[in-house]
N, C-alpha and C. Protein backbone atom coordinates (compact mmCIF):
# COMPACT_ATOMS: atom_id res chain seq x y z
N MET A 1 69.15 55.09 128.60
CA MET A 1 69.16 56.09 129.61
C MET A 1 69.74 57.19 128.63
N PRO A 2 69.22 58.31 128.50
CA PRO A 2 69.51 59.53 128.08
C PRO A 2 70.89 60.07 128.21
N GLU A 3 71.55 60.86 127.75
CA GLU A 3 73.04 61.21 127.62
C GLU A 3 72.92 62.63 127.38
N VAL A 4 73.79 63.60 128.26
CA VAL A 4 74.25 64.76 128.26
C VAL A 4 75.54 64.93 127.62
N GLU A 5 75.82 65.93 126.84
CA GLU A 5 76.94 66.13 126.31
C GLU A 5 77.58 67.52 126.94
N PHE A 6 78.78 67.87 127.35
CA PHE A 6 78.99 69.11 127.88
C PHE A 6 80.38 69.19 127.72
N GLU A 7 80.83 70.38 127.58
CA GLU A 7 82.62 70.48 127.97
C GLU A 7 83.44 69.36 127.52
N GLY A 8 82.93 68.86 126.22
CA GLY A 8 83.80 67.34 125.92
C GLY A 8 83.67 66.12 126.69
N LYS A 9 82.71 66.17 127.50
CA LYS A 9 82.33 64.86 128.38
C LYS A 9 80.81 64.65 127.99
N THR A 10 80.85 63.09 127.96
CA THR A 10 79.34 62.77 128.03
C THR A 10 78.72 62.12 129.63
N PHE A 11 77.63 62.33 129.96
CA PHE A 11 77.10 61.83 130.92
C PHE A 11 75.95 61.07 130.71
N THR A 12 75.85 59.95 131.25
CA THR A 12 74.61 59.11 131.34
C THR A 12 73.49 59.56 132.43
N VAL A 13 72.37 60.20 132.26
CA VAL A 13 71.47 60.64 133.32
C VAL A 13 70.06 59.63 133.40
N ASP A 14 69.63 59.72 134.31
CA ASP A 14 67.96 59.07 134.51
C ASP A 14 66.83 60.30 134.03
N GLU A 15 65.94 59.64 134.14
CA GLU A 15 64.93 60.53 133.40
C GLU A 15 64.58 62.05 133.95
N ASP A 16 65.30 61.84 135.11
CA ASP A 16 65.03 63.24 135.95
C ASP A 16 66.35 64.13 135.82
N GLY A 17 67.34 63.84 134.95
CA GLY A 17 68.60 64.31 134.97
C GLY A 17 69.43 64.24 135.85
N PHE A 18 69.40 63.47 136.58
CA PHE A 18 70.61 62.87 137.72
C PHE A 18 71.47 62.07 136.92
N ILE A 19 72.87 62.14 137.50
CA ILE A 19 73.81 61.38 137.00
C ILE A 19 73.81 60.20 137.06
N ASP A 20 74.13 59.20 136.40
CA ASP A 20 74.21 57.70 136.49
C ASP A 20 74.64 56.98 137.84
N SER A 21 75.76 57.69 138.03
CA SER A 21 76.90 56.99 138.96
C SER A 21 77.15 58.22 139.63
N TYR A 22 77.64 58.04 141.10
CA TYR A 22 78.13 59.16 141.79
C TYR A 22 79.52 59.19 141.54
N THR A 23 80.25 58.09 141.07
CA THR A 23 81.40 57.82 140.68
C THR A 23 81.57 58.81 139.66
N ASN A 24 80.99 59.19 138.55
CA ASN A 24 81.02 59.70 137.31
C ASN A 24 81.18 61.42 137.39
N TRP A 25 81.03 62.15 138.67
CA TRP A 25 80.56 63.33 139.23
C TRP A 25 82.23 63.76 138.92
N CYS A 26 82.18 64.99 138.14
CA CYS A 26 83.23 65.96 137.83
C CYS A 26 82.93 67.11 137.90
N GLN A 27 83.68 68.25 137.40
CA GLN A 27 83.55 69.73 137.61
C GLN A 27 82.71 70.12 136.19
N GLU A 28 83.12 69.10 135.20
CA GLU A 28 82.06 69.52 134.20
C GLU A 28 80.63 69.22 134.44
N TRP A 29 80.46 68.01 135.22
CA TRP A 29 78.93 68.18 135.72
C TRP A 29 78.52 68.95 136.44
N VAL A 30 79.02 69.68 137.48
CA VAL A 30 79.00 70.91 138.46
C VAL A 30 78.49 71.98 137.31
N HIS A 31 79.29 72.18 136.29
CA HIS A 31 79.19 73.43 135.28
C HIS A 31 77.81 72.97 134.66
N TRP A 32 77.59 71.83 134.10
CA TRP A 32 76.49 71.69 133.31
C TRP A 32 75.03 71.94 134.27
N VAL A 33 74.86 71.41 135.48
CA VAL A 33 74.17 71.40 136.02
C VAL A 33 73.74 72.88 136.65
N LYS A 34 75.00 73.60 136.74
CA LYS A 34 74.78 74.99 137.30
C LYS A 34 74.13 75.89 136.03
N LYS A 35 74.35 75.33 134.78
CA LYS A 35 73.54 76.17 133.66
C LYS A 35 72.18 75.82 133.44
N GLU A 36 72.17 74.41 133.84
CA GLU A 36 70.61 74.16 133.96
C GLU A 36 69.89 74.63 134.84
N GLU A 37 70.61 74.93 136.11
CA GLU A 37 69.74 75.52 137.28
C GLU A 37 69.45 76.84 137.12
N GLY A 38 70.33 77.61 136.19
CA GLY A 38 70.08 78.85 136.29
C GLY A 38 71.02 79.90 136.90
N ILE A 39 72.06 79.04 137.65
CA ILE A 39 72.99 79.72 138.64
C ILE A 39 74.07 80.32 137.67
N GLU A 40 74.25 81.80 137.95
CA GLU A 40 74.81 82.69 137.32
C GLU A 40 76.69 82.29 137.72
N GLU A 41 76.90 82.27 139.05
CA GLU A 41 78.35 81.68 139.62
C GLU A 41 78.23 81.05 140.56
N LEU A 42 79.03 79.83 141.31
CA LEU A 42 79.18 79.30 142.10
C LEU A 42 79.96 80.00 143.13
N ASN A 43 79.61 80.23 144.33
CA ASN A 43 80.45 80.60 145.14
C ASN A 43 80.96 79.79 146.39
N GLU A 44 81.42 80.17 147.36
CA GLU A 44 81.95 79.24 148.46
C GLU A 44 81.02 78.41 149.28
N GLU A 45 79.56 79.17 149.24
CA GLU A 45 78.36 78.59 150.11
C GLU A 45 77.82 77.33 149.00
N HIS A 46 77.62 77.54 147.83
CA HIS A 46 77.58 76.42 146.75
C HIS A 46 78.51 75.30 146.92
N THR A 47 79.78 75.74 147.04
CA THR A 47 80.75 74.60 147.09
C THR A 47 80.69 73.79 148.69
N LYS A 48 80.25 74.81 149.54
CA LYS A 48 80.03 73.90 150.92
C LYS A 48 79.05 73.10 151.00
N VAL A 49 77.99 73.42 150.59
CA VAL A 49 76.69 72.74 150.11
C VAL A 49 77.29 71.21 149.49
N ILE A 50 77.78 71.44 148.32
CA ILE A 50 78.20 70.20 147.51
C ILE A 50 78.88 69.35 148.44
N ALA A 51 80.19 70.04 148.91
CA ALA A 51 81.01 69.07 149.90
C ALA A 51 80.06 68.50 150.94
N VAL A 52 79.28 69.10 151.47
CA VAL A 52 78.61 68.25 152.69
C VAL A 52 77.80 67.30 151.95
N LEU A 53 77.04 67.35 151.01
CA LEU A 53 75.85 66.34 150.27
C LEU A 53 77.04 65.23 150.05
N ARG A 54 77.97 65.55 149.30
CA ARG A 54 79.30 64.22 148.77
C ARG A 54 79.59 63.33 150.04
N GLU A 55 80.15 64.56 151.32
CA GLU A 55 80.88 63.64 152.28
C GLU A 55 79.73 62.78 153.01
N TYR A 56 78.45 63.21 153.32
CA TYR A 56 77.64 62.51 153.98
C TYR A 56 77.13 61.46 152.92
N TYR A 57 76.99 61.33 151.85
CA TYR A 57 76.51 60.41 150.85
C TYR A 57 77.92 59.21 151.05
N GLU A 58 78.85 59.93 150.85
CA GLU A 58 80.15 58.82 151.22
C GLU A 58 79.77 58.07 152.40
N LYS A 59 79.60 58.36 153.50
CA LYS A 59 79.63 57.85 154.64
C LYS A 59 78.33 57.12 154.83
N ASN A 60 77.12 57.78 154.49
CA ASN A 60 75.88 57.19 154.69
C ASN A 60 75.23 56.32 153.62
N GLY A 61 75.41 56.53 152.23
CA GLY A 61 74.88 55.69 151.25
C GLY A 61 73.82 56.51 150.87
N ILE A 62 73.29 57.64 151.40
CA ILE A 62 72.13 58.43 151.36
C ILE A 62 72.15 60.03 151.43
N ALA A 63 71.46 60.44 150.93
CA ALA A 63 71.28 61.93 150.91
C ALA A 63 71.03 62.28 152.24
N PRO A 64 71.41 63.47 152.94
CA PRO A 64 70.97 63.83 154.42
C PRO A 64 69.52 64.53 154.15
N MET A 65 69.02 64.40 155.27
CA MET A 65 67.56 65.08 155.40
C MET A 65 67.98 66.66 155.60
N VAL A 66 67.05 67.48 154.88
CA VAL A 66 67.25 69.11 154.87
C VAL A 66 67.82 69.47 156.07
N ARG A 67 67.10 69.25 157.15
CA ARG A 67 67.45 69.66 158.38
C ARG A 67 68.85 69.32 158.85
N ILE A 68 69.52 68.02 158.43
CA ILE A 68 70.82 67.71 158.41
C ILE A 68 71.67 68.72 157.65
N LEU A 69 71.39 68.87 156.34
CA LEU A 69 72.05 69.74 155.59
C LEU A 69 72.30 71.12 156.43
N SER A 70 71.13 71.56 156.85
CA SER A 70 70.98 73.21 157.07
C SER A 70 71.94 73.10 158.57
N LYS A 71 71.64 72.33 158.99
CA LYS A 71 72.52 72.12 160.79
C LYS A 71 74.05 72.07 160.07
N VAL A 72 74.50 71.14 159.27
CA VAL A 72 75.89 71.09 159.17
C VAL A 72 76.55 71.92 158.41
N THR A 73 75.49 72.82 157.39
CA THR A 73 76.19 73.95 156.78
C THR A 73 75.79 75.22 157.42
N GLY A 74 75.33 75.33 158.46
CA GLY A 74 74.72 76.75 159.11
C GLY A 74 73.89 77.44 158.10
N PHE A 75 73.48 76.94 157.14
CA PHE A 75 72.49 77.69 156.35
C PHE A 75 71.28 77.59 156.74
N LYS A 76 70.31 78.41 156.54
CA LYS A 76 68.83 78.20 156.97
C LYS A 76 68.33 77.99 155.42
N LEU A 77 67.13 76.71 155.76
CA LEU A 77 66.44 76.12 154.61
C LEU A 77 65.98 77.36 153.50
N LYS A 78 65.49 78.57 153.89
CA LYS A 78 65.43 79.42 152.84
C LYS A 78 66.82 80.11 152.09
N HIS A 79 67.93 80.00 152.86
CA HIS A 79 69.28 80.38 152.07
C HIS A 79 69.38 79.36 151.14
N ILE A 80 69.54 78.04 151.37
CA ILE A 80 69.66 76.74 150.59
C ILE A 80 68.77 76.96 149.41
N TYR A 81 67.55 77.28 149.40
CA TYR A 81 66.94 77.50 148.26
C TYR A 81 67.22 78.69 147.19
N GLU A 82 67.51 79.65 148.06
CA GLU A 82 68.22 81.03 147.12
C GLU A 82 69.41 80.46 146.45
N LEU A 83 70.39 79.61 147.12
CA LEU A 83 71.74 79.24 146.29
C LEU A 83 71.12 78.21 145.34
N PHE A 84 70.43 77.30 145.71
CA PHE A 84 69.94 76.13 144.86
C PHE A 84 68.32 76.58 144.24
N PRO A 85 67.75 77.34 143.26
CA PRO A 85 66.22 77.62 143.08
C PRO A 85 65.40 76.38 143.40
N SER A 86 65.84 74.98 142.66
CA SER A 86 65.23 73.99 142.48
C SER A 86 65.28 73.08 143.77
N GLY A 87 65.69 73.53 144.89
CA GLY A 87 65.55 73.09 145.98
C GLY A 87 67.21 72.25 146.30
N PRO A 88 67.19 71.82 147.60
CA PRO A 88 68.38 70.72 147.89
C PRO A 88 68.15 69.61 147.34
N GLY A 89 66.83 69.16 147.35
CA GLY A 89 66.71 67.54 146.44
C GLY A 89 67.06 67.47 145.14
N LYS A 90 66.47 68.43 144.39
CA LYS A 90 66.60 68.50 143.18
C LYS A 90 67.81 69.12 142.70
N GLY A 91 68.36 70.35 143.11
CA GLY A 91 69.28 71.03 142.50
C GLY A 91 70.88 70.69 143.05
N ALA A 92 70.63 70.74 144.38
CA ALA A 92 71.98 70.82 145.15
C ALA A 92 72.39 69.00 145.35
N CYS A 93 71.43 68.25 145.13
CA CYS A 93 71.70 66.72 145.01
C CYS A 93 72.29 66.50 143.80
N LYS A 94 71.66 67.02 142.78
CA LYS A 94 72.00 66.70 141.16
C LYS A 94 73.39 67.19 140.99
N MET A 95 73.52 68.40 141.39
CA MET A 95 74.83 68.78 141.37
C MET A 95 75.86 68.45 142.05
N ALA A 96 75.73 67.68 143.44
CA ALA A 96 76.57 66.98 143.68
C ALA A 96 77.05 65.65 143.32
N GLY A 97 75.91 64.98 142.11
CA GLY A 97 76.35 63.94 141.76
C GLY A 97 75.83 62.75 142.67
N LEU A 98 74.64 63.02 143.22
CA LEU A 98 73.62 62.08 144.40
C LEU A 98 72.91 61.76 142.99
N PRO A 99 72.29 60.58 143.74
CA PRO A 99 71.12 59.73 143.05
C PRO A 99 69.97 60.71 143.76
N LYS A 100 68.77 60.84 142.69
CA LYS A 100 67.60 61.59 143.21
C LYS A 100 67.41 61.17 144.60
N PRO A 101 67.13 62.10 145.52
CA PRO A 101 66.51 61.50 146.79
C PRO A 101 65.03 60.61 146.99
N THR A 102 64.89 60.01 147.45
CA THR A 102 63.23 59.37 147.83
C THR A 102 62.79 60.66 148.28
N GLY A 103 61.45 60.60 147.79
CA GLY A 103 60.47 61.54 148.28
C GLY A 103 60.80 62.74 147.44
N CYS A 104 61.90 62.92 146.78
CA CYS A 104 61.90 64.23 146.06
C CYS A 104 61.10 64.47 144.98
N VAL A 105 60.43 65.42 144.58
CA VAL A 105 59.51 65.41 143.39
C VAL A 105 60.57 66.15 142.30
C-alpha cells in the first residue's frame, strides 16, 4: 500500500487515498486531506460533519447514508458539497478517517 508523509507523520493509504485504519486517524491526517481537497480553512461546520461521521461509524461500523448525514448535521446536501467539494463520501469520509464507503466512486 502507498504511504503519505505529512507534518512528521506517515500514513498508509489505499489506492484511493483513504487511510488504512480508522484508529490511525489524527489531526495531521485531517490537515493533509484538507490540503488535498483544496479546502482553505476548516470551520465549525467541517468539524461537525467529521464528528458526526466518526460517531456514526463508531456505533455502526459503516458510514451513514447521505440523507442521514444531512439530517443529523442539519445541513442540506448542497451545503455538504460546498464544505467538501469532492463530496461526503470521498472528501468528508476520507477526512474523518473512515474507509471508502461502498458505492462511492
